[in-house]
C-alpha atoms as a PDB file:
ATOM      1  CA  MET A   1     112.783  82.701  91.940  1.00  0.00           C
ATOM      2  CA  TYR A   2     113.222  84.142  89.187  1.00  0.00           C
ATOM      3  CA  GLU A   3     111.099  81.812  86.906  1.00  0.00           C
ATOM      4  CA  ARG A   4     108.161  82.184  89.356  1.00  0.00           C
ATOM      5  CA  VAL A   5     108.123  85.355  89.121  1.00  0.00           C
ATOM      6  CA  MET A   6     108.090  85.371  85.168  1.00  0.00           C
ATOM      7  CA  GLU A   7     105.217  82.960  85.507  1.00  0.00           C
ATOM      8  CA  THR A   8     102.973  85.424  87.779  1.00  0.00           C
ATOM      9  CA  LYS A   9     103.567  87.539  85.435  1.00  0.00           C
ATOM     10  CA  GLU A  10     102.738  85.909  82.288  1.00  0.00           C
ATOM     11  CA  TYR A  11      99.438  84.752  84.501  1.00  0.00           C
ATOM     12  CA  ILE A  12      98.294  88.454  85.392  1.00  0.00           C
ATOM     13  CA  LEU A  13      99.206  89.777  81.665  1.00  0.00           C
ATOM     14  CA  ASN A  14      96.820  86.921  80.540  1.00  0.00           C
ATOM     15  CA  GLN A  15      93.900  88.125  82.651  1.00  0.00           C
ATOM     16  CA  VAL A  16      93.852  92.035  82.226  1.00  0.00           C
ATOM     17  CA  THR A  17      94.339  94.479  79.521  1.00  0.00           C
ATOM     18  CA  TYR A  18      96.256  97.513  81.189  1.00  0.00           C
ATOM     19  CA  ARG A  19      99.737  97.783  81.197  1.00  0.00           C
ATOM     20  CA  PRO A  20     100.584 100.575  84.012  1.00  0.00           C
ATOM     21  CA  LYS A  21     103.878 102.308  85.175  1.00  0.00           C
ATOM     22  CA  ILE A  22     102.162 102.719  88.338  1.00  0.00           C
ATOM     23  CA  GLY A  23     101.733 100.495  91.689  1.00  0.00           C
ATOM     24  CA  VAL A  24      99.801 101.126  94.878  1.00  0.00           C
ATOM     25  CA  ILE A  25     100.509  99.029  98.082  1.00  0.00           C
ATOM     26  CA  LEU A  26      97.277  99.853 100.550  1.00  0.00           C
ATOM     27  CA  GLY A  27      97.702  99.534 104.250  1.00  0.00           C
ATOM     28  CA  SER A  28      94.749  97.853 106.819  1.00  0.00           C
ATOM     29  CA  GLY A  29      92.268  99.974 106.349  1.00  0.00           C
ATOM     30  CA  LEU A  30      93.307 102.136 103.825  1.00  0.00           C
ATOM     31  CA  GLY A  31      91.913 100.136 100.627  1.00  0.00           C
ATOM     32  CA  ASP A  32      89.118 102.965  99.783  1.00  0.00           C
ATOM     33  CA  LEU A  33      91.408 104.218  97.103  1.00  0.00           C
ATOM     34  CA  VAL A  34      90.107 101.302  95.074  1.00  0.00           C
ATOM     35  CA  ASP A  35      86.669 102.950  94.736  1.00  0.00           C
ATOM     36  CA  LEU A  36      88.282 105.862  93.120  1.00  0.00           C
ATOM     37  CA  VAL A  37      89.447 103.341  90.150  1.00  0.00           C
ATOM     38  CA  GLU A  38      87.463 103.257  86.753  1.00  0.00           C
ATOM     39  CA  ASN A  39      86.861 100.352  84.649  1.00  0.00           C
ATOM     40  CA  LYS A  40      88.150  97.762  87.054  1.00  0.00           C
ATOM     41  CA  GLN A  41      89.695  94.463  86.478  1.00  0.00           C
ATOM     42  CA  THR A  42      90.578  92.910  89.541  1.00  0.00           C
ATOM     43  CA  ILE A  43      92.225  89.091  90.126  1.00  0.00           C
ATOM     44  CA  LYS A  44      92.309  87.172  94.023  1.00  0.00           C
ATOM     45  CA  TYR A  45      95.316  87.162  95.474  1.00  0.00           C
ATOM     46  CA  GLU A  46      94.429  83.217  95.280  1.00  0.00           C
ATOM     47  CA  GLU A  47      94.241  82.795  91.802  1.00  0.00           C
ATOM     48  CA  ILE A  48      97.733  83.839  91.573  1.00  0.00           C
ATOM     49  CA  PRO A  49     100.281  81.250  90.832  1.00  0.00           C
ATOM     50  CA  HIS A  50     103.058  81.606  93.686  1.00  0.00           C
ATOM     51  CA  PHE A  51     101.402  84.713  95.268  1.00  0.00           C
ATOM     52  CA  PRO A  52     100.961  84.611  98.682  1.00  0.00           C
ATOM     53  CA  GLN A  53      97.232  85.175 100.851  1.00  0.00           C
ATOM     54  CA  SER A  54      96.207  87.911 102.687  1.00  0.00           C
ATOM     55  CA  THR A  55      95.270  86.782 106.369  1.00  0.00           C
ATOM     56  CA  VAL A  56      94.783  90.076 108.338  1.00  0.00           C
ATOM     57  CA  GLU A  57      91.737  92.066 109.012  1.00  0.00           C
ATOM     58  CA  GLY A  58      91.606  95.370 106.632  1.00  0.00           C
ATOM     59  CA  HIS A  59      93.434  93.666 103.342  1.00  0.00           C
ATOM     60  CA  ALA A  60      90.593  92.434 100.656  1.00  0.00           C
ATOM     61  CA  GLY A  61      93.675  90.830  98.964  1.00  0.00           C
ATOM     62  CA  GLN A  62      93.005  91.757  95.416  1.00  0.00           C
ATOM     63  CA  LEU A  63      95.286  92.711  92.691  1.00  0.00           C
ATOM     64  CA  VAL A  64      92.841  95.752  91.240  1.00  0.00           C
ATOM     65  CA  PHE A  65      93.504  97.162  87.711  1.00  0.00           C
ATOM     66  CA  GLY A  66      91.740 100.236  86.174  1.00  0.00           C
ATOM     67  CA  THR A  67      92.505 103.844  85.898  1.00  0.00           C
ATOM     68  CA  ILE A  68      92.532 107.056  87.989  1.00  0.00           C
ATOM     69  CA  LYS A  69      91.870 110.428  86.442  1.00  0.00           C
ATOM     70  CA  GLY A  70      93.326 108.653  83.293  1.00  0.00           C
ATOM     71  CA  VAL A  71      95.949 107.518  84.872  1.00  0.00           C
ATOM     72  CA  GLU A  72      96.552 103.201  84.220  1.00  0.00           C
ATOM     73  CA  VAL A  73      97.227 102.132  87.996  1.00  0.00           C
ATOM     74  CA  MET A  74      97.873  98.757  90.166  1.00  0.00           C
ATOM     75  CA  LEU A  75      96.783  98.266  93.457  1.00  0.00           C
ATOM     76  CA  MET A  76      97.654  95.571  95.762  1.00  0.00           C
ATOM     77  CA  GLN A  77      94.414  96.151  98.169  1.00  0.00           C
ATOM     78  CA  GLY A  78      96.159  93.826 100.857  1.00  0.00           C
ATOM     79  CA  ARG A  79      99.691  93.591 101.817  1.00  0.00           C
ATOM     80  CA  PHE A  80     101.524  90.756 103.385  1.00  0.00           C
ATOM     81  CA  HIS A  81     103.477  90.978 106.897  1.00  0.00           C
ATOM     82  CA  TYR A  82     106.336  89.167 108.150  1.00  0.00           C
ATOM     83  CA  TYR A  83     104.576  88.421 111.041  1.00  0.00           C
ATOM     84  CA  GLU A  84     102.239  86.308 109.486  1.00  0.00           C
ATOM     85  CA  GLY A  85     104.804  83.663 108.876  1.00  0.00           C
ATOM     86  CA  TYR A  86     105.961  84.331 105.294  1.00  0.00           C
ATOM     87  CA  THR A  87     109.805  84.544 104.195  1.00  0.00           C
ATOM     88  CA  MET A  88     110.899  88.034 103.808  1.00  0.00           C
ATOM     89  CA  LYS A  89     111.105  86.876  99.978  1.00  0.00           C
ATOM     90  CA  GLU A  90     107.564  86.372 100.204  1.00  0.00           C
ATOM     91  CA  VAL A  91     106.813  89.151 101.753  1.00  0.00           C
ATOM     92  CA  THR A  92     108.036  91.942  98.900  1.00  0.00           C
ATOM     93  CA  TYR A  93     107.239  88.690  95.964  1.00  0.00           C
ATOM     94  CA  PRO A  94     104.538  91.399  94.651  1.00  0.00           C
ATOM     95  CA  VAL A  95     107.114  94.203  94.526  1.00  0.00           C
ATOM     96  CA  TYR A  96     109.054  91.842  91.739  1.00  0.00           C
ATOM     97  CA  VAL A  97     106.205  90.753  90.406  1.00  0.00           C
ATOM     98  CA  MET A  98     105.445  94.507  89.366  1.00  0.00           C
ATOM     99  CA  LYS A  99     108.630  95.203  88.077  1.00  0.00           C
ATOM    100  CA  GLN A 100     108.162  92.883  85.604  1.00  0.00           C
ATOM    101  CA  LEU A 101     105.041  94.378  85.014  1.00  0.00           C
ATOM    102  CA  GLY A 102     106.200  97.457  84.402  1.00  0.00           C
ATOM    103  CA  ILE A 103     105.760  99.491  86.848  1.00  0.00           C
ATOM    104  CA  GLU A 104     108.367 102.189  87.537  1.00  0.00           C
ATOM    105  CA  ASN A 105     106.840 104.310  90.477  1.00  0.00           C
ATOM    106  CA  MET A 106     105.477 102.499  93.289  1.00  0.00           C
ATOM    107  CA  ILE A 107     103.444 104.065  96.235  1.00  0.00           C
ATOM    108  CA  VAL A 108     102.893 102.825  99.405  1.00  0.00           C
ATOM    109  CA  THR A 109     100.994 103.460 102.135  1.00  0.00           C
ATOM    110  CA  ASN A 110     100.413 101.924 105.791  1.00  0.00           C
ATOM    111  CA  ALA A 111      98.595 102.387 108.779  1.00  0.00           C
ATOM    112  CA  CYS A 112     100.968 102.824 111.900  1.00  0.00           C
ATOM    113  CA  GLY A 113     101.486 104.147 115.779  1.00  0.00           C
ATOM    114  CA  GLY A 114     102.790 107.918 116.204  1.00  0.00           C
ATOM    115  CA  ILE A 115     105.716 108.491 118.455  1.00  0.00           C
ATOM    116  CA  ASN A 116     106.218 112.187 117.221  1.00  0.00           C
ATOM    117  CA  THR A 117     103.981 114.113 119.928  1.00  0.00           C
ATOM    118  CA  ASP A 118     102.992 116.664 117.342  1.00  0.00           C
ATOM    119  CA  PHE A 119     101.049 114.086 115.648  1.00  0.00           C
ATOM    120  CA  GLU A 120      97.309 112.364 116.606  1.00  0.00           C
ATOM    121  CA  PRO A 121      95.591 110.111 115.041  1.00  0.00           C
ATOM    122  CA  GLY A 122      94.512 110.568 111.634  1.00  0.00           C
ATOM    123  CA  THR A 123      97.754 112.767 111.083  1.00  0.00           C
ATOM    124  CA  LEU A 124      99.497 111.761 107.347  1.00  0.00           C
ATOM    125  CA  MET A 125     103.110 111.727 107.382  1.00  0.00           C
ATOM    126  CA  LEU A 126     104.989 111.670 104.218  1.00  0.00           C
ATOM    127  CA  ILE A 127     107.831 109.184 105.006  1.00  0.00           C
ATOM    128  CA  ASP A 128     111.252 110.844 104.117  1.00  0.00           C
ATOM    129  CA  ASP A 129     113.711 108.066 105.229  1.00  0.00           C
ATOM    130  CA  PHE A 130     113.147 104.577 106.991  1.00  0.00           C
ATOM    131  CA  ILE A 131     114.846 102.367 110.045  1.00  0.00           C
ATOM    132  CA  ASN A 132     114.830  99.027 109.493  1.00  0.00           C
ATOM    133  CA  LEU A 133     114.039  97.389 113.062  1.00  0.00           C
ATOM    134  CA  MET A 134     113.065  93.948 112.145  1.00  0.00           C
ATOM    135  CA  GLY A 135     116.462  92.216 112.313  1.00  0.00           C
ATOM    136  CA  THR A 136     116.253  90.994 108.620  1.00  0.00           C
ATOM    137  CA  ASN A 137     115.781  92.126 105.320  1.00  0.00           C
ATOM    138  CA  PRO A 138     114.544  90.238 102.149  1.00  0.00           C
ATOM    139  CA  LEU A 139     117.430  90.875 100.161  1.00  0.00           C
ATOM    140  CA  ILE A 140     119.777  88.398 102.103  1.00  0.00           C
ATOM    141  CA  GLY A 141     120.327  85.006 100.461  1.00  0.00           C
ATOM    142  CA  LEU A 142     121.613  84.575  96.834  1.00  0.00           C
ATOM    143  CA  ASN A 143     121.239  87.756  94.520  1.00  0.00           C
ATOM    144  CA  ASP A 144     120.183  87.021  91.205  1.00  0.00           C
ATOM    145  CA  GLU A 145     121.388  90.027  89.015  1.00  0.00           C
ATOM    146  CA  ARG A 146     118.983  89.829  86.491  1.00  0.00           C
ATOM    147  CA  PHE A 147     116.810  91.413  89.632  1.00  0.00           C
ATOM    148  CA  GLY A 148     119.148  94.254  91.052  1.00  0.00           C
ATOM    149  CA  PRO A 149     122.609  94.383  92.353  1.00  0.00           C
ATOM    150  CA  ARG A 150     124.222  92.574  95.083  1.00  0.00           C
ATOM    151  CA  PHE A 151     124.822  95.632  97.304  1.00  0.00           C
ATOM    152  CA  PRO A 152     121.860  98.527  96.510  1.00  0.00           C
ATOM    153  CA  ASP A 153     121.865 102.249  97.557  1.00  0.00           C
ATOM    154  CA  MET A 154     119.430 103.555  99.638  1.00  0.00           C
ATOM    155  CA  SER A 155     120.851 106.741 100.090  1.00  0.00           C
ATOM    156  CA  GLU A 156     117.102 107.762  98.718  1.00  0.00           C
ATOM    157  CA  PRO A 157     114.726 104.830 100.177  1.00  0.00           C
ATOM    158  CA  TYR A 158     112.183 106.995  99.191  1.00  0.00           C
ATOM    159  CA  SER A 159     112.217 109.641  96.011  1.00  0.00           C
ATOM    160  CA  LEU A 160     113.098 113.288  96.703  1.00  0.00           C
ATOM    161  CA  GLU A 161     111.620 114.083  93.419  1.00  0.00           C
ATOM    162  CA  LEU A 162     108.111 112.042  93.988  1.00  0.00           C
ATOM    163  CA  MET A 163     108.350 113.807  97.768  1.00  0.00           C
ATOM    164  CA  GLU A 164     108.599 117.224  96.550  1.00  0.00           C
ATOM    165  CA  ASN A 165     106.020 116.992  93.836  1.00  0.00           C
ATOM    166  CA  ALA A 166     103.259 115.193  96.782  1.00  0.00           C
ATOM    167  CA  LYS A 167     103.977 118.119  98.522  1.00  0.00           C
ATOM    168  CA  LYS A 168     103.182 120.976  96.213  1.00  0.00           C
ATOM    169  CA  LEU A 169     100.217 118.853  95.280  1.00  0.00           C
ATOM    170  CA  ALA A 170      98.979 118.622  98.678  1.00  0.00           C
ATOM    171  CA  ASP A 171      98.946 122.143  99.538  1.00  0.00           C
ATOM    172  CA  GLU A 172      97.376 122.960  96.228  1.00  0.00           C
ATOM    173  CA  ILE A 173      94.460 120.338  97.252  1.00  0.00           C
ATOM    174  CA  GLY A 174      94.462 121.328 101.082  1.00  0.00           C
ATOM    175  CA  VAL A 175      95.906 117.960 102.721  1.00  0.00           C
ATOM    176  CA  ALA A 176      97.387 118.517 105.815  1.00  0.00           C
ATOM    177  CA  TYR A 177     100.130 116.321 106.244  1.00  0.00           C
ATOM    178  CA  LYS A 178     103.472 116.337 108.645  1.00  0.00           C
ATOM    179  CA  GLN A 179     107.392 114.083 107.546  1.00  0.00           C
ATOM    180  CA  GLY A 180     109.014 111.832 109.172  1.00  0.00           C
ATOM    181  CA  VAL A 181     111.186 108.647 109.600  1.00  0.00           C
ATOM    182  CA  TYR A 182     109.053 105.595 109.444  1.00  0.00           C
ATOM    183  CA  ALA A 183     110.367 102.679 111.267  1.00  0.00           C
ATOM    184  CA  ALA A 184     109.289  98.992 110.774  1.00  0.00           C
ATOM    185  CA  CYS A 185     109.328  96.128 113.622  1.00  0.00           C
ATOM    186  CA  THR A 186     108.283  92.531 113.133  1.00  0.00           C
ATOM    187  CA  GLY A 187     105.364  92.617 114.853  1.00  0.00           C
ATOM    188  CA  PRO A 188     102.468  91.267 116.177  1.00  0.00           C
ATOM    189  CA  TYR A 189     102.841  92.797 119.345  1.00  0.00           C
ATOM    190  CA  TYR A 190     102.296  97.053 119.951  1.00  0.00           C
ATOM    191  CA  GLU A 191     105.695  97.388 121.117  1.00  0.00           C
ATOM    192  CA  THR A 192     106.098  98.624 124.754  1.00  0.00           C
ATOM    193  CA  ALA A 193     106.676 102.179 126.336  1.00  0.00           C
ATOM    194  CA  ALA A 194     110.148 101.339 126.902  1.00  0.00           C
ATOM    195  CA  GLU A 195     110.558 100.105 123.222  1.00  0.00           C
ATOM    196  CA  ILE A 196     109.166 103.460 122.396  1.00  0.00           C
ATOM    197  CA  ARG A 197     111.104 105.584 124.454  1.00  0.00           C
ATOM    198  CA  SER A 198     113.879 104.103 122.894  1.00  0.00           C
ATOM    199  CA  TYR A 199     112.889 104.746 119.245  1.00  0.00           C
ATOM    200  CA  ALA A 200     111.864 108.333 120.073  1.00  0.00           C
ATOM    201  CA  ARG A 201     115.108 109.189 121.086  1.00  0.00           C
ATOM    202  CA  MET A 202     116.215 107.588 117.612  1.00  0.00           C
ATOM    203  CA  GLY A 203     114.434 109.862 115.436  1.00  0.00           C
ATOM    204  CA  ILE A 204     111.947 107.614 114.662  1.00  0.00           C
ATOM    205  CA  ASP A 205     108.615 109.534 114.371  1.00  0.00           C
ATOM    206  CA  ALA A 206     106.038 106.309 112.906  1.00  0.00           C
ATOM    207  CA  ILE A 207     106.726 102.959 113.942  1.00  0.00           C
ATOM    208  CA  GLY A 208     104.517  99.978 111.939  1.00  0.00           C
ATOM    209  CA  MET A 209     105.139  96.429 110.815  1.00  0.00           C
ATOM    210  CA  SER A 210     105.760  96.807 107.362  1.00  0.00           C
ATOM    211  CA  THR A 211     106.258  98.810 104.451  1.00  0.00           C
ATOM    212  CA  VAL A 212     110.447  98.687 104.902  1.00  0.00           C
ATOM    213  CA  PRO A 213     110.746  95.555 103.298  1.00  0.00           C
ATOM    214  CA  GLU A 214     108.931  96.205 100.004  1.00  0.00           C
ATOM    215  CA  THR A 215     110.288  99.582 100.087  1.00  0.00           C
ATOM    216  CA  ILE A 216     114.523  97.952  99.962  1.00  0.00           C
ATOM    217  CA  VAL A 217     112.890  95.847  96.995  1.00  0.00           C
ATOM    218  CA  ALA A 218     111.501  98.101  94.997  1.00  0.00           C
ATOM    219  CA  ASN A 219     115.377 100.565  94.883  1.00  0.00           C
ATOM    220  CA  TYR A 220     116.983  96.930  94.745  1.00  0.00           C
ATOM    221  CA  LEU A 221     114.893  96.619  91.658  1.00  0.00           C
ATOM    222  CA  GLY A 222     115.452 100.013  90.044  1.00  0.00           C
ATOM    223  CA  MET A 223     111.769 101.750  91.205  1.00  0.00           C
ATOM    224  CA  LYS A 224     110.887 105.014  92.769  1.00  0.00           C
ATOM    225  CA  VAL A 225     108.898 104.983  95.793  1.00  0.00           C
ATOM    226  CA  LEU A 226     106.621 107.513  97.657  1.00  0.00           C
ATOM    227  CA  GLY A 227     105.337 106.066 101.286  1.00  0.00           C
ATOM    228  CA  ILE A 228     102.797 108.038 102.895  1.00  0.00           C
ATOM    229  CA  SER A 229     101.802 106.775 106.678  1.00  0.00           C
ATOM    230  CA  CYS A 230      98.285 107.229 108.400  1.00  0.00           C
ATOM    231  CA  ILE A 231      98.601 107.714 112.056  1.00  0.00           C
ATOM    232  CA  THR A 232      96.176 105.651 113.723  1.00  0.00           C
ATOM    233  CA  ASN A 233      97.200 105.761 117.421  1.00  0.00           C
ATOM    234  CA  MET A 234      99.871 107.366 119.835  1.00  0.00           C
ATOM    235  CA  ALA A 235     102.571 104.630 120.405  1.00  0.00           C
ATOM    236  CA  THR A 236     102.604 103.086 123.852  1.00  0.00           C
ATOM    237  CA  GLY A 237     103.013 104.970 126.673  1.00  0.00           C
ATOM    238  CA  ILE A 238     101.901 108.295 124.773  1.00  0.00           C
ATOM    239  CA  GLN A 239      98.338 107.517 124.507  1.00  0.00           C
ATOM    240  CA  GLU A 240      96.957 106.015 127.690  1.00  0.00           C
ATOM    241  CA  CYS A 241      94.023 103.129 126.047  1.00  0.00           C
ATOM    242  CA  LYS A 242      94.556 100.112 125.256  1.00  0.00           C
ATOM    243  CA  HIS A 243      95.947  99.195 121.476  1.00  0.00           C
ATOM    244  CA  SER A 244      93.410  97.432 119.278  1.00  0.00           C
ATOM    245  CA  HIS A 245      93.601  96.146 115.539  1.00  0.00           C
ATOM    246  CA  GLN A 246      89.931  97.191 115.456  1.00  0.00           C
ATOM    247  CA  ARG A 247      90.744 100.628 116.236  1.00  0.00           C
ATOM    248  CA  VAL A 248      93.985 100.923 114.079  1.00  0.00           C
ATOM    249  CA  VAL A 249      91.132 100.125 111.262  1.00  0.00           C
ATOM    250  CA  GLU A 250      88.422 102.277 111.931  1.00  0.00           C
ATOM    251  CA  THR A 251      90.943 105.611 112.287  1.00  0.00           C
ATOM    252  CA  ALA A 252      92.359 104.517 108.982  1.00  0.00           C
ATOM    253  CA  GLN A 253      88.769 104.285 107.537  1.00  0.00           C
ATOM    254  CA  LYS A 254      88.278 107.682 108.575  1.00  0.00           C
ATOM    255  CA  ALA A 255      91.056 109.582 107.447  1.00  0.00           C
ATOM    256  CA  SER A 256      91.361 107.432 104.442  1.00  0.00           C
ATOM    257  CA  ALA A 257      89.274 109.965 102.309  1.00  0.00           C
ATOM    258  CA  ASN A 258      91.756 112.865 102.846  1.00  0.00           C
ATOM    259  CA  LEU A 259      95.003 110.187 101.746  1.00  0.00           C
ATOM    260  CA  CYS A 260      92.504 108.977  98.716  1.00  0.00           C
ATOM    261  CA  LYS A 261      92.226 112.609  97.566  1.00  0.00           C
ATOM    262  CA  TRP A 262      95.927 113.320  98.074  1.00  0.00           C
ATOM    263  CA  VAL A 263      97.050 109.645  96.432  1.00  0.00           C
ATOM    264  CA  ALA A 264      94.997 110.052  93.243  1.00  0.00           C
ATOM    265  CA  ARG A 265      96.082 113.418  92.763  1.00  0.00           C
ATOM    266  CA  VAL A 266      99.533 112.410  92.967  1.00  0.00           C
ATOM    267  CA  ILE A 267      98.760 109.733  90.383  1.00  0.00           C
ATOM    268  CA  GLU A 268      96.971 112.534  88.258  1.00  0.00           C
ATOM    269  CA  GLY A 269     100.521 114.418  88.390  1.00  0.00           C
ATOM    270  CA  MET A 270     102.178 111.388  86.977  1.00  0.00           C
ATOM    271  CA  LYS A 271     100.858 111.313  83.698  1.00  0.00           C
END
């Protein structure tokens, strides 16, 4: 694993001139942040040694390097999911690479379902904690101390410092947001009404099929994480209509203007 990551790192360093400290993972339908990147340098996933390939609609499948408001950034325009058939190590492989490239702060976004009835489609939720409902995690297996410790701490999976700064900046630019707990299931089906009722009793505010694996690995590697969810639908038993991925992507794209405005301001504040 370590040798593969280093090979990937060397390939990427030979393709781009940027050396960013900030990495962003973009969820379904949330790729518009790329439009704010200046002086782009892009690499298709298919060109990168040992990199998985994105197979889900709404995920472009490329790394984008450049600057946002004068700050160097690396964006993953398309992530990988456990339900695509990848192992957890493959799902989180790009996070290992980010760390070796020098990324210190990771912003992770997603499109997800709302359980908290104070939410509605289009709500942006600052993630303050997670619950892993995937039945596995990416750190299972032999541990390589060159990456991180055998038993990493998860008492602050989402950086309190980054969260407080994000709240302050959202208020400054007039972006409305909620705050809550995000849970990840494996998918790829949308959860049943009975599952959603049980998750609500657990204190879960939003449910999705990603983000938690990347958050776990980023913390393991010593990176700070900021998480923002876009509520694209209300969960089963709360909304009346049937679920569809097309509607999820469409709602995410409509809400992405505020998300992009917020994330761009957060990035600028990380100078």
